[in-house]
Amino acid sequence: MKIPLPAALEGVEGVILDLDGTLYDQKRLRLQMALELASTLLLRPWRCKEALILFRFRRIREALADALPGDVSSRSYLLTAQACDCEIDQVRDVVQEWIYRRPLRHLGRFRYPLVDVLLAALAQRRINVAVCSDYHAVDKLAALRLEHLSSWSAEDPAVDRLKPDPAGLLHICRQWQVAPQACLVIGDRDDRDGEAARRAGMRSLVVPGGLRFKTIDQMFQGMQ
């Protein structure tokens, strides 16, 4: 039995999904990680600089999203090291631990149930699906039990740009050999996902709270 899709998806040949904050509840994950970090610093106060590094790293990534130059990964670590007066290797270690490695064990329980319903409906109609993220996505998708999805991130050499630059979206289109006008971008931030879609000439559906809806129809309500 086919899962009904809204009329807004008529003519769509490819759906590009954001990851963080779209496929899972990012607010709850960040609260979990904040509690873990606080617990770690309470027991090991000499590691307090790690909190500063994480704060600076996230702020710098946001700033780089509005800058034109590439080399996203290297610049993120270099600028954070300069801002925190520490070695690049220390920044890499902290980011790997707190942004990439530790959250993996929690991701599964924060995933939105509607993700499975949406993917099943798209698969039934043979609509291409891929993930485009500003952060490395492969390990996160595996933790979300979505390792079957193709993914590209701003750290991939073929992309090397943060949203709202449309480089990642357009790269996926080329891989599919699908026109941008036939693609739909779904993400939680209009200033990143929505703007990237507009620059790429794609339609977009911005869901500020992620895919937390009960039904697909509810999710697409109001989209033309």
N, C-alpha and C. Protein backbone atom coordinates (compact mmCIF):
# COMPACT_ATOMS: atom_id res chain seq x y z
N MET A 1 0.84 -1.20 0.00
CA MET A 1 0.00 0.00 0.00
C MET A 1 0.88 1.25 0.00
N LYS A 2 0.63 2.15 -0.97
CA LYS A 2 1.43 3.35 -1.08
C LYS A 2 1.04 4.37 -0.01
N ILE A 3 2.09 5.02 0.54
CA ILE A 3 1.86 6.09 1.50
C ILE A 3 1.54 7.35 0.71
N PRO A 4 0.41 8.02 0.95
CA PRO A 4 0.06 9.22 0.19
C PRO A 4 1.09 10.32 0.37
N LEU A 5 1.37 11.04 -0.73
CA LEU A 5 2.24 12.20 -0.68
C LEU A 5 1.44 13.44 -1.05
N PRO A 6 1.74 14.58 -0.44
CA PRO A 6 1.00 15.80 -0.73
C PRO A 6 1.24 16.29 -2.16
N ALA A 7 0.32 17.12 -2.64
CA ALA A 7 0.41 17.67 -4.00
C ALA A 7 1.67 18.52 -4.17
N ALA A 8 2.20 19.06 -3.07
CA ALA A 8 3.40 19.90 -3.14
C ALA A 8 4.60 19.14 -3.70
N LEU A 9 4.55 17.82 -3.67
CA LEU A 9 5.67 17.02 -4.17
C LEU A 9 5.51 16.60 -5.62
N GLU A 10 4.47 17.08 -6.27
CA GLU A 10 4.28 16.78 -7.69
C GLU A 10 5.46 17.32 -8.49
N GLY A 11 6.04 16.48 -9.32
CA GLY A 11 7.16 16.90 -10.16
C GLY A 11 8.51 16.87 -9.48
N VAL A 12 8.56 16.53 -8.20
CA VAL A 12 9.83 16.46 -7.48
C VAL A 12 10.53 15.14 -7.81
N GLU A 13 11.79 15.24 -8.25
CA GLU A 13 12.58 14.06 -8.58
C GLU A 13 13.66 13.76 -7.55
N GLY A 14 13.93 14.73 -6.70
CA GLY A 14 14.96 14.54 -5.68
C GLY A 14 14.67 15.37 -4.44
N VAL A 15 14.87 14.77 -3.28
CA VAL A 15 14.70 15.47 -2.00
C VAL A 15 16.04 15.48 -1.28
N ILE A 16 16.49 16.67 -0.90
CA ILE A 16 17.76 16.83 -0.19
C ILE A 16 17.45 17.24 1.25
N LEU A 17 17.88 16.42 2.18
CA LEU A 17 17.58 16.64 3.60
C LEU A 17 18.76 17.23 4.34
N ASP A 18 18.50 18.22 5.16
CA ASP A 18 19.48 18.64 6.15
C ASP A 18 19.53 17.56 7.23
N LEU A 19 20.59 17.56 8.02
CA LEU A 19 20.73 16.53 9.06
C LEU A 19 20.45 17.07 10.46
N ASP A 20 21.35 17.91 10.95
CA ASP A 20 21.27 18.37 12.34
C ASP A 20 20.08 19.30 12.54
N GLY A 21 19.20 18.92 13.47
CA GLY A 21 18.02 19.71 13.75
C GLY A 21 16.85 19.40 12.85
N THR A 22 17.07 18.58 11.83
CA THR A 22 16.00 18.21 10.90
C THR A 22 15.59 16.76 11.09
N LEU A 23 16.54 15.85 11.10
CA LEU A 23 16.24 14.43 11.25
C LEU A 23 16.16 14.00 12.71
N TYR A 24 16.70 14.80 13.60
CA TYR A 24 16.64 14.48 15.03
C TYR A 24 16.48 15.77 15.84
N ASP A 25 16.10 15.62 17.09
CA ASP A 25 15.85 16.76 17.98
C ASP A 25 17.19 17.29 18.49
N GLN A 26 17.68 18.32 17.83
CA GLN A 26 19.01 18.85 18.16
C GLN A 26 19.02 19.55 19.53
N LYS A 27 17.92 20.17 19.90
CA LYS A 27 17.88 20.86 21.20
C LYS A 27 18.06 19.86 22.34
N ARG A 28 17.38 18.74 22.25
CA ARG A 28 17.51 17.73 23.31
C ARG A 28 18.91 17.13 23.32
N LEU A 29 19.49 16.93 22.14
CA LEU A 29 20.85 16.40 22.09
C LEU A 29 21.84 17.38 22.71
N ARG A 30 21.70 18.65 22.37
CA ARG A 30 22.63 19.65 22.91
C ARG A 30 22.49 19.78 24.42
N LEU A 31 21.27 19.63 24.93
CA LEU A 31 21.08 19.65 26.38
C LEU A 31 21.80 18.46 27.00
N GLN A 32 21.67 17.30 26.40
CA GLN A 32 22.35 16.10 26.89
C GLN A 32 23.86 16.30 26.91
N MET A 33 24.40 16.88 25.82
CA MET A 33 25.84 17.09 25.74
C MET A 33 26.30 18.17 26.71
N ALA A 34 25.48 19.18 26.94
CA ALA A 34 25.83 20.22 27.90
C ALA A 34 25.93 19.64 29.31
N LEU A 35 25.02 18.73 29.64
CA LEU A 35 25.07 18.07 30.95
C LEU A 35 26.32 17.21 31.08
N GLU A 36 26.67 16.51 30.01
CA GLU A 36 27.88 15.67 30.04
C GLU A 36 29.13 16.53 30.19
N LEU A 37 29.16 17.65 29.46
CA LEU A 37 30.31 18.54 29.54
C LEU A 37 30.43 19.13 30.94
N ALA A 38 29.31 19.57 31.50
CA ALA A 38 29.33 20.14 32.85
C ALA A 38 29.81 19.11 33.87
N SER A 39 29.35 17.87 33.72
CA SER A 39 29.77 16.81 34.63
C SER A 39 31.27 16.55 34.51
N THR A 40 31.76 16.56 33.28
CA THR A 40 33.19 16.33 33.05
C THR A 40 34.03 17.44 33.67
N LEU A 41 33.59 18.69 33.48
CA LEU A 41 34.36 19.83 34.00
C LEU A 41 34.28 19.89 35.53
N LEU A 42 33.18 19.42 36.10
CA LEU A 42 33.05 19.40 37.56
C LEU A 42 34.07 18.45 38.17
N LEU A 43 34.27 17.31 37.50
CA LEU A 43 35.21 16.31 38.00
C LEU A 43 36.64 16.61 37.58
N ARG A 44 36.79 17.31 36.44
CA ARG A 44 38.12 17.60 35.90
C ARG A 44 38.20 19.07 35.50
N PRO A 45 38.23 19.97 36.47
CA PRO A 45 38.18 21.41 36.18
C PRO A 45 39.33 21.90 35.31
N TRP A 46 40.43 21.16 35.27
CA TRP A 46 41.56 21.58 34.43
C TRP A 46 41.23 21.48 32.93
N ARG A 47 40.10 20.86 32.60
CA ARG A 47 39.70 20.75 31.20
C ARG A 47 38.72 21.86 30.80
N CYS A 48 38.60 22.92 31.61
CA CYS A 48 37.59 23.95 31.37
C CYS A 48 37.78 24.65 30.02
N LYS A 49 39.00 24.65 29.51
CA LYS A 49 39.23 25.32 28.22
C LYS A 49 38.47 24.64 27.09
N GLU A 50 38.11 23.38 27.28
CA GLU A 50 37.37 22.67 26.24
C GLU A 50 36.02 23.33 25.96
N ALA A 51 35.40 23.87 27.00
CA ALA A 51 34.12 24.56 26.81
C ALA A 51 34.30 25.81 25.95
N LEU A 52 35.39 26.53 26.19
CA LEU A 52 35.68 27.72 25.39
C LEU A 52 35.94 27.35 23.94
N ILE A 53 36.71 26.29 23.73
CA ILE A 53 37.02 25.84 22.37
C ILE A 53 35.74 25.49 21.62
N LEU A 54 34.84 24.77 22.26
CA LEU A 54 33.58 24.40 21.61
C LEU A 54 32.74 25.62 21.27
N PHE A 55 32.67 26.56 22.20
CA PHE A 55 31.90 27.79 21.96
C PHE A 55 32.47 28.56 20.78
N ARG A 56 33.80 28.75 20.78
CA ARG A 56 34.44 29.50 19.70
C ARG A 56 34.31 28.77 18.37
N PHE A 57 34.46 27.46 18.38
CA PHE A 57 34.38 26.68 17.14
C PHE A 57 33.02 26.85 16.49
N ARG A 58 31.96 26.74 17.27
CA ARG A 58 30.61 26.87 16.70
C ARG A 58 30.37 28.29 16.18
N ARG A 59 30.83 29.29 16.91
CA ARG A 59 30.66 30.67 16.47
C ARG A 59 31.42 30.93 15.17
N ILE A 60 32.63 30.39 15.07
CA ILE A 60 33.44 30.59 13.88
C ILE A 60 32.83 29.88 12.68
N ARG A 61 32.29 28.69 12.88
CA ARG A 61 31.63 27.99 11.77
C ARG A 61 30.44 28.79 11.26
N GLU A 62 29.70 29.41 12.18
CA GLU A 62 28.57 30.25 11.76
C GLU A 62 29.07 31.44 10.94
N ALA A 63 30.18 32.04 11.38
CA ALA A 63 30.72 33.19 10.66
C ALA A 63 31.24 32.78 9.28
N LEU A 64 31.87 31.62 9.19
CA LEU A 64 32.40 31.15 7.92
C LEU A 64 31.29 30.85 6.92
N ALA A 65 30.11 30.55 7.41
CA ALA A 65 28.99 30.26 6.51
C ALA A 65 28.64 31.47 5.66
N ASP A 66 28.95 32.66 6.15
CA ASP A 66 28.64 33.88 5.40
C ASP A 66 29.85 34.40 4.64
N ALA A 67 30.97 33.68 4.70
CA ALA A 67 32.18 34.08 3.98
C ALA A 67 32.30 33.27 2.69
N LEU A 68 32.90 33.85 1.68
CA LEU A 68 32.99 33.18 0.38
C LEU A 68 34.11 32.15 0.28
N PRO A 69 35.30 32.36 0.89
CA PRO A 69 36.39 31.41 0.68
C PRO A 69 36.05 30.00 1.14
N GLY A 70 36.71 29.02 0.52
CA GLY A 70 36.50 27.62 0.89
C GLY A 70 37.46 27.19 1.98
N ASP A 71 37.98 25.95 1.86
CA ASP A 71 38.88 25.38 2.86
C ASP A 71 38.23 25.44 4.24
N VAL A 72 36.96 25.03 4.28
CA VAL A 72 36.14 25.17 5.48
C VAL A 72 36.74 24.48 6.69
N SER A 73 37.13 23.22 6.52
CA SER A 73 37.61 22.44 7.66
C SER A 73 38.87 23.04 8.27
N SER A 74 39.88 23.29 7.45
CA SER A 74 41.15 23.82 7.96
C SER A 74 40.97 25.19 8.59
N ARG A 75 40.19 26.05 7.95
CA ARG A 75 39.98 27.40 8.47
C ARG A 75 39.25 27.36 9.81
N SER A 76 38.30 26.45 9.96
CA SER A 76 37.56 26.35 11.22
C SER A 76 38.49 26.05 12.38
N TYR A 77 39.38 25.08 12.18
CA TYR A 77 40.30 24.69 13.25
C TYR A 77 41.36 25.76 13.50
N LEU A 78 41.89 26.35 12.43
CA LEU A 78 42.93 27.36 12.57
C LEU A 78 42.41 28.59 13.30
N LEU A 79 41.26 29.11 12.88
CA LEU A 79 40.72 30.31 13.50
C LEU A 79 40.32 30.07 14.95
N THR A 80 39.83 28.88 15.25
CA THR A 80 39.48 28.55 16.64
C THR A 80 40.74 28.48 17.50
N ALA A 81 41.79 27.88 16.98
CA ALA A 81 43.05 27.79 17.72
C ALA A 81 43.60 29.19 18.01
N GLN A 82 43.51 30.07 17.03
CA GLN A 82 43.99 31.44 17.23
C GLN A 82 43.14 32.17 18.27
N ALA A 83 41.83 31.98 18.21
CA ALA A 83 40.93 32.67 19.14
C ALA A 83 41.10 32.17 20.57
N CYS A 84 41.48 30.91 20.72
CA CYS A 84 41.60 30.30 22.05
C CYS A 84 43.04 30.20 22.53
N ASP A 85 43.96 30.68 21.69
CA ASP A 85 45.39 30.63 22.03
C ASP A 85 45.83 29.22 22.41
N CYS A 86 45.56 28.29 21.50
CA CYS A 86 45.96 26.90 21.74
C CYS A 86 46.38 26.27 20.42
N GLU A 87 46.83 25.04 20.47
CA GLU A 87 47.28 24.34 19.27
C GLU A 87 46.09 23.80 18.47
N ILE A 88 46.28 23.73 17.16
CA ILE A 88 45.23 23.20 16.29
C ILE A 88 44.87 21.77 16.68
N ASP A 89 45.88 20.99 17.05
CA ASP A 89 45.61 19.59 17.43
C ASP A 89 44.68 19.50 18.63
N GLN A 90 44.81 20.45 19.57
CA GLN A 90 43.91 20.45 20.72
C GLN A 90 42.48 20.74 20.28
N VAL A 91 42.32 21.68 19.37
CA VAL A 91 40.99 22.00 18.84
C VAL A 91 40.40 20.77 18.16
N ARG A 92 41.20 20.11 17.34
CA ARG A 92 40.71 18.91 16.64
C ARG A 92 40.26 17.84 17.64
N ASP A 93 41.06 17.63 18.67
CA ASP A 93 40.74 16.59 19.66
C ASP A 93 39.42 16.90 20.38
N VAL A 94 39.26 18.16 20.78
CA VAL A 94 38.05 18.57 21.50
C VAL A 94 36.82 18.45 20.61
N VAL A 95 36.94 18.92 19.38
CA VAL A 95 35.81 18.86 18.44
C VAL A 95 35.45 17.42 18.12
N GLN A 96 36.46 16.59 17.91
CA GLN A 96 36.19 15.18 17.62
C GLN A 96 35.45 14.52 18.78
N GLU A 97 35.87 14.84 20.00
CA GLU A 97 35.25 14.20 21.16
C GLU A 97 33.82 14.68 21.40
N TRP A 98 33.61 16.00 21.39
CA TRP A 98 32.34 16.54 21.85
C TRP A 98 31.32 16.81 20.75
N ILE A 99 31.78 17.00 19.53
CA ILE A 99 30.84 17.27 18.44
C ILE A 99 30.61 16.04 17.58
N TYR A 100 31.66 15.23 17.41
CA TYR A 100 31.54 14.09 16.51
C TYR A 100 31.36 12.74 17.22
N ARG A 101 32.15 12.47 18.26
CA ARG A 101 32.15 11.11 18.82
C ARG A 101 31.11 10.92 19.93
N ARG A 102 31.15 11.72 20.97
CA ARG A 102 30.27 11.51 22.12
C ARG A 102 28.77 11.54 21.78
N PRO A 103 28.33 12.45 20.91
CA PRO A 103 26.88 12.49 20.63
C PRO A 103 26.34 11.24 19.94
N LEU A 104 27.19 10.44 19.32
CA LEU A 104 26.71 9.32 18.51
C LEU A 104 25.85 8.36 19.30
N ARG A 105 26.21 8.09 20.55
CA ARG A 105 25.47 7.10 21.32
C ARG A 105 24.07 7.58 21.73
N HIS A 106 23.82 8.88 21.58
CA HIS A 106 22.51 9.42 21.97
C HIS A 106 21.59 9.65 20.77
N LEU A 107 22.15 9.73 19.58
CA LEU A 107 21.37 10.17 18.42
C LEU A 107 20.12 9.33 18.16
N GLY A 108 20.25 8.02 18.30
CA GLY A 108 19.14 7.13 17.98
C GLY A 108 17.86 7.46 18.71
N ARG A 109 17.96 7.82 19.99
CA ARG A 109 16.73 8.08 20.77
C ARG A 109 16.17 9.47 20.53
N PHE A 110 16.90 10.31 19.81
CA PHE A 110 16.40 11.65 19.50
C PHE A 110 15.91 11.77 18.06
N ARG A 111 15.94 10.67 17.32
CA ARG A 111 15.50 10.70 15.93
C ARG A 111 13.99 10.84 15.85
N TYR A 112 13.52 11.63 14.90
CA TYR A 112 12.08 11.82 14.73
C TYR A 112 11.46 10.62 14.02
N PRO A 113 10.35 10.07 14.55
CA PRO A 113 9.71 8.90 13.93
C PRO A 113 9.24 9.14 12.50
N LEU A 114 8.88 10.39 12.17
CA LEU A 114 8.37 10.67 10.83
C LEU A 114 9.42 10.44 9.75
N VAL A 115 10.68 10.43 10.13
CA VAL A 115 11.75 10.21 9.14
C VAL A 115 11.51 8.92 8.37
N ASP A 116 11.20 7.84 9.07
CA ASP A 116 10.98 6.55 8.42
C ASP A 116 9.80 6.60 7.46
N VAL A 117 8.73 7.26 7.88
CA VAL A 117 7.52 7.35 7.05
C VAL A 117 7.82 8.13 5.77
N LEU A 118 8.51 9.26 5.92
CA LEU A 118 8.86 10.08 4.76
C LEU A 118 9.75 9.34 3.79
N LEU A 119 10.78 8.68 4.30
CA LEU A 119 11.71 7.95 3.43
C LEU A 119 11.01 6.81 2.71
N ALA A 120 10.11 6.13 3.40
CA ALA A 120 9.37 5.03 2.77
C ALA A 120 8.49 5.55 1.64
N ALA A 121 7.83 6.68 1.87
CA ALA A 121 6.96 7.26 0.84
C ALA A 121 7.77 7.70 -0.38
N LEU A 122 8.93 8.29 -0.15
CA LEU A 122 9.77 8.72 -1.27
C LEU A 122 10.33 7.52 -2.03
N ALA A 123 10.71 6.48 -1.30
CA ALA A 123 11.25 5.27 -1.94
C ALA A 123 10.20 4.60 -2.81
N GLN A 124 8.95 4.58 -2.36
CA GLN A 124 7.88 3.97 -3.14
C GLN A 124 7.73 4.64 -4.50
N ARG A 125 8.04 5.93 -4.57
CA ARG A 125 7.91 6.68 -5.81
C ARG A 125 9.24 6.87 -6.51
N ARG A 126 10.26 6.19 -6.01
CA ARG A 126 11.59 6.23 -6.60
C ARG A 126 12.13 7.67 -6.73
N ILE A 127 11.84 8.45 -5.72
CA ILE A 127 12.37 9.81 -5.65
C ILE A 127 13.74 9.76 -4.99
N ASN A 128 14.73 10.37 -5.63
CA ASN A 128 16.08 10.40 -5.07
C ASN A 128 16.09 11.10 -3.71
N VAL A 129 16.91 10.58 -2.80
CA VAL A 129 17.05 11.19 -1.48
C VAL A 129 18.52 11.24 -1.11
N ALA A 130 18.96 12.37 -0.58
CA ALA A 130 20.33 12.50 -0.08
C ALA A 130 20.34 13.48 1.08
N VAL A 131 21.42 13.45 1.83
CA VAL A 131 21.60 14.36 2.97
C VAL A 131 22.72 15.33 2.65
N CYS A 132 22.50 16.60 2.93
CA CYS A 132 23.53 17.62 2.76
C CYS A 132 23.69 18.35 4.09
N SER A 133 24.86 18.24 4.69
CA SER A 133 25.09 18.76 6.03
C SER A 133 26.33 19.64 6.08
N ASP A 134 26.35 20.57 7.02
CA ASP A 134 27.55 21.38 7.21
C ASP A 134 28.63 20.62 7.97
N TYR A 135 28.24 19.53 8.64
CA TYR A 135 29.19 18.71 9.38
C TYR A 135 29.24 17.31 8.78
N HIS A 136 30.37 16.64 8.99
CA HIS A 136 30.54 15.27 8.50
C HIS A 136 29.34 14.43 8.94
N ALA A 137 28.72 13.73 7.98
CA ALA A 137 27.43 13.10 8.25
C ALA A 137 27.45 11.58 8.35
N VAL A 138 28.46 10.92 7.84
CA VAL A 138 28.43 9.46 7.70
C VAL A 138 28.21 8.75 9.04
N ASP A 139 29.00 9.11 10.05
CA ASP A 139 28.88 8.44 11.36
C ASP A 139 27.54 8.75 12.03
N LYS A 140 27.07 9.98 11.88
CA LYS A 140 25.78 10.35 12.46
C LYS A 140 24.65 9.56 11.81
N LEU A 141 24.70 9.42 10.49
CA LEU A 141 23.65 8.66 9.81
C LEU A 141 23.65 7.21 10.25
N ALA A 142 24.84 6.65 10.47
CA ALA A 142 24.92 5.27 10.96
C ALA A 142 24.29 5.16 12.35
N ALA A 143 24.57 6.15 13.21
CA ALA A 143 23.99 6.14 14.56
C ALA A 143 22.47 6.30 14.52
N LEU A 144 21.97 6.96 13.48
CA LEU A 144 20.53 7.15 13.31
C LEU A 144 19.88 5.99 12.56
N ARG A 145 20.69 4.99 12.23
CA ARG A 145 20.25 3.84 11.43
C ARG A 145 19.75 4.27 10.05
N LEU A 146 20.46 5.25 9.49
CA LEU A 146 20.15 5.77 8.16
C LEU A 146 21.38 5.70 7.26
N GLU A 147 22.22 4.70 7.51
CA GLU A 147 23.47 4.61 6.77
C GLU A 147 23.27 4.34 5.28
N HIS A 148 22.06 3.94 4.89
CA HIS A 148 21.79 3.69 3.47
C HIS A 148 21.65 4.98 2.66
N LEU A 149 21.52 6.11 3.34
CA LEU A 149 21.35 7.37 2.63
C LEU A 149 22.69 7.92 2.13
N SER A 150 22.71 8.42 0.91
CA SER A 150 23.89 9.11 0.41
C SER A 150 24.01 10.45 1.14
N SER A 151 25.24 10.89 1.33
CA SER A 151 25.42 12.16 2.05
C SER A 151 26.65 12.89 1.56
N TRP A 152 26.56 14.21 1.64
CA TRP A 152 27.70 15.09 1.38
C TRP A 152 27.71 16.16 2.44
N SER A 153 28.91 16.63 2.78
CA SER A 153 29.02 17.67 3.79
C SER A 153 29.94 18.78 3.31
N ALA A 154 29.94 19.88 4.05
CA ALA A 154 30.80 21.01 3.71
C ALA A 154 32.27 20.64 3.78
N GLU A 155 32.59 19.55 4.46
CA GLU A 155 33.99 19.14 4.60
C GLU A 155 34.45 18.23 3.47
N ASP A 156 33.54 17.83 2.59
CA ASP A 156 33.93 17.02 1.43
C ASP A 156 34.62 17.92 0.41
N PRO A 157 35.75 17.49 -0.16
CA PRO A 157 36.47 18.31 -1.14
C PRO A 157 35.60 18.77 -2.31
N ALA A 158 34.64 17.95 -2.70
CA ALA A 158 33.78 18.30 -3.84
C ALA A 158 32.80 19.42 -3.50
N VAL A 159 32.63 19.70 -2.20
CA VAL A 159 31.68 20.74 -1.77
C VAL A 159 32.44 21.93 -1.20
N ASP A 160 33.10 21.73 -0.06
CA ASP A 160 33.97 22.73 0.56
C ASP A 160 33.30 24.09 0.76
N ARG A 161 32.03 24.09 1.02
CA ARG A 161 31.30 25.33 1.29
C ARG A 161 30.21 25.04 2.32
N LEU A 162 30.01 25.99 3.20
CA LEU A 162 28.93 25.90 4.18
C LEU A 162 27.66 26.52 3.61
N LYS A 163 26.51 26.00 4.00
CA LYS A 163 25.27 26.67 3.64
C LYS A 163 25.25 28.07 4.30
N PRO A 164 24.70 29.08 3.62
CA PRO A 164 23.78 29.02 2.49
C PRO A 164 24.41 28.96 1.11
N ASP A 165 25.72 28.78 1.01
CA ASP A 165 26.29 28.54 -0.31
C ASP A 165 25.62 27.28 -0.88
N PRO A 166 25.17 27.30 -2.12
CA PRO A 166 24.45 26.16 -2.68
C PRO A 166 25.33 25.06 -3.25
N ALA A 167 26.65 25.14 -3.03
CA ALA A 167 27.58 24.18 -3.65
C ALA A 167 27.20 22.73 -3.38
N GLY A 168 26.86 22.41 -2.13
CA GLY A 168 26.51 21.03 -1.79
C GLY A 168 25.25 20.57 -2.49
N LEU A 169 24.24 21.43 -2.52
CA LEU A 169 22.98 21.08 -3.18
C LEU A 169 23.18 20.85 -4.67
N LEU A 170 23.94 21.73 -5.30
CA LEU A 170 24.16 21.60 -6.74
C LEU A 170 25.02 20.39 -7.07
N HIS A 171 25.95 20.06 -6.17
CA HIS A 171 26.77 18.86 -6.39
C HIS A 171 25.89 17.61 -6.38
N ILE A 172 24.95 17.55 -5.46
CA ILE A 172 24.04 16.40 -5.39
C ILE A 172 23.21 16.31 -6.67
N CYS A 173 22.72 17.45 -7.15
CA CYS A 173 21.95 17.46 -8.41
C CYS A 173 22.75 16.89 -9.56
N ARG A 174 24.01 17.27 -9.61
CA ARG A 174 24.86 16.76 -10.70
C ARG A 174 25.05 15.25 -10.58
N GLN A 175 25.19 14.77 -9.35
CA GLN A 175 25.33 13.34 -9.15
C GLN A 175 24.08 12.60 -9.61
N TRP A 176 22.93 13.18 -9.37
CA TRP A 176 21.66 12.56 -9.77
C TRP A 176 21.35 12.76 -11.25
N GLN A 177 21.97 13.80 -11.82
CA GLN A 177 21.61 14.25 -13.17
C GLN A 177 20.15 14.70 -13.20
N VAL A 178 19.80 15.47 -12.20
CA VAL A 178 18.45 16.02 -12.05
C VAL A 178 18.56 17.55 -12.02
N ALA A 179 17.64 18.23 -12.68
CA ALA A 179 17.64 19.69 -12.70
C ALA A 179 17.32 20.24 -11.31
N PRO A 180 17.96 21.35 -10.91
CA PRO A 180 17.68 21.93 -9.60
C PRO A 180 16.19 22.23 -9.38
N GLN A 181 15.51 22.63 -10.45
CA GLN A 181 14.09 22.96 -10.33
C GLN A 181 13.23 21.76 -9.93
N ALA A 182 13.76 20.56 -10.12
CA ALA A 182 13.02 19.34 -9.78
C ALA A 182 13.39 18.81 -8.41
N CYS A 183 14.11 19.62 -7.62
CA CYS A 183 14.56 19.18 -6.29
C CYS A 183 13.89 19.98 -5.19
N LEU A 184 13.72 19.34 -4.06
CA LEU A 184 13.16 19.96 -2.87
C LEU A 184 14.15 19.81 -1.72
N VAL A 185 14.44 20.93 -1.05
CA VAL A 185 15.33 20.93 0.11
C VAL A 185 14.47 21.01 1.38
N ILE A 186 14.74 20.13 2.33
CA ILE A 186 14.03 20.15 3.61
C ILE A 186 15.05 20.37 4.73
N GLY A 187 14.86 21.44 5.48
CA GLY A 187 15.79 21.75 6.56
C GLY A 187 15.13 22.59 7.64
N ASP A 188 15.84 22.80 8.74
CA ASP A 188 15.24 23.49 9.88
C ASP A 188 15.56 24.98 9.95
N ARG A 189 16.44 25.47 9.06
CA ARG A 189 16.83 26.88 9.13
C ARG A 189 16.62 27.57 7.78
N ASP A 190 15.82 28.63 7.78
CA ASP A 190 15.60 29.36 6.54
C ASP A 190 16.85 30.11 6.11
N ASP A 191 17.63 30.63 7.08
CA ASP A 191 18.82 31.40 6.73
C ASP A 191 19.95 30.53 6.20
N ARG A 192 19.85 29.22 6.37
CA ARG A 192 20.87 28.31 5.85
C ARG A 192 20.27 27.40 4.76
N ASP A 193 19.34 26.54 5.14
CA ASP A 193 18.77 25.58 4.19
C ASP A 193 17.87 26.28 3.16
N GLY A 194 16.99 27.14 3.65
CA GLY A 194 16.09 27.84 2.74
C GLY A 194 16.83 28.74 1.77
N GLU A 195 17.79 29.50 2.28
CA GLU A 195 18.55 30.41 1.43
C GLU A 195 19.42 29.65 0.43
N ALA A 196 20.02 28.55 0.86
CA ALA A 196 20.82 27.73 -0.06
C ALA A 196 19.94 27.21 -1.20
N ALA A 197 18.72 26.80 -0.86
CA ALA A 197 17.79 26.31 -1.89
C ALA A 197 17.44 27.42 -2.87
N ARG A 198 17.18 28.61 -2.37
CA ARG A 198 16.84 29.73 -3.26
C ARG A 198 17.99 30.05 -4.20
N ARG A 199 19.21 30.05 -3.68
CA ARG A 199 20.37 30.33 -4.52
C ARG A 199 20.58 29.25 -5.57
N ALA A 200 20.17 28.03 -5.25
CA ALA A 200 20.35 26.91 -6.18
C ALA A 200 19.19 26.80 -7.17
N GLY A 201 18.14 27.58 -6.96
CA GLY A 201 16.97 27.49 -7.83
C GLY A 201 16.08 26.31 -7.50
N MET A 202 16.08 25.90 -6.23
CA MET A 202 15.28 24.75 -5.79
C MET A 202 14.13 25.21 -4.89
N ARG A 203 13.14 24.36 -4.78
CA ARG A 203 12.08 24.59 -3.80
C ARG A 203 12.60 24.19 -2.41
N SER A 204 11.96 24.73 -1.40
CA SER A 204 12.39 24.37 -0.04
C SER A 204 11.19 24.26 0.89
N LEU A 205 11.37 23.45 1.90
CA LEU A 205 10.41 23.32 3.00
C LEU A 205 11.20 23.50 4.29
N VAL A 206 10.95 24.61 4.98
CA VAL A 206 11.67 24.90 6.22
C VAL A 206 10.81 24.45 7.40
N VAL A 207 11.39 23.58 8.22
CA VAL A 207 10.69 23.02 9.39
C VAL A 207 11.52 23.38 10.63
N PRO A 208 11.26 24.55 11.24
CA PRO A 208 12.11 25.03 12.33
C PRO A 208 12.34 24.05 13.47
N GLY A 209 11.37 23.20 13.74
CA GLY A 209 11.55 22.22 14.82
C GLY A 209 11.97 20.85 14.33
N GLY A 210 12.30 20.74 13.03
CA GLY A 210 12.65 19.44 12.48
C GLY A 210 11.41 18.63 12.12
N LEU A 211 11.62 17.36 11.79
CA LEU A 211 10.53 16.48 11.36
C LEU A 211 9.79 15.88 12.56
N ARG A 212 9.27 16.76 13.38
CA ARG A 212 8.60 16.31 14.62
C ARG A 212 7.10 16.11 14.42
N PHE A 213 6.64 16.22 13.19
CA PHE A 213 5.21 16.12 12.89
C PHE A 213 4.72 14.68 13.02
N LYS A 214 3.40 14.54 13.16
CA LYS A 214 2.80 13.21 13.27
C LYS A 214 2.56 12.58 11.90
N THR A 215 2.27 13.43 10.89
CA THR A 215 1.98 12.92 9.55
C THR A 215 2.71 13.73 8.50
N ILE A 216 2.85 13.16 7.30
CA ILE A 216 3.47 13.87 6.19
C ILE A 216 2.61 15.06 5.77
N ASP A 217 1.30 14.88 5.75
CA ASP A 217 0.40 15.98 5.38
C ASP A 217 0.58 17.18 6.31
N GLN A 218 0.70 16.89 7.60
CA GLN A 218 0.90 17.97 8.57
C GLN A 218 2.22 18.69 8.31
N MET A 219 3.22 17.94 7.93
CA MET A 219 4.54 18.50 7.65
C MET A 219 4.51 19.46 6.46
N PHE A 220 3.77 19.10 5.42
CA PHE A 220 3.73 19.89 4.19
C PHE A 220 2.60 20.92 4.18
N GLN A 221 1.87 21.03 5.27
CA GLN A 221 0.74 21.95 5.32
C GLN A 221 1.19 23.38 5.06
N GLY A 222 0.54 24.04 4.12
CA GLY A 222 0.88 25.42 3.80
C GLY A 222 1.90 25.57 2.70
N MET A 223 2.56 24.48 2.29
CA MET A 223 3.52 24.57 1.19
C MET A 223 2.78 24.45 -0.13
N GLN A 224 3.11 25.36 -1.03
CA GLN A 224 2.46 25.34 -2.35
C GLN A 224 3.21 24.42 -3.29
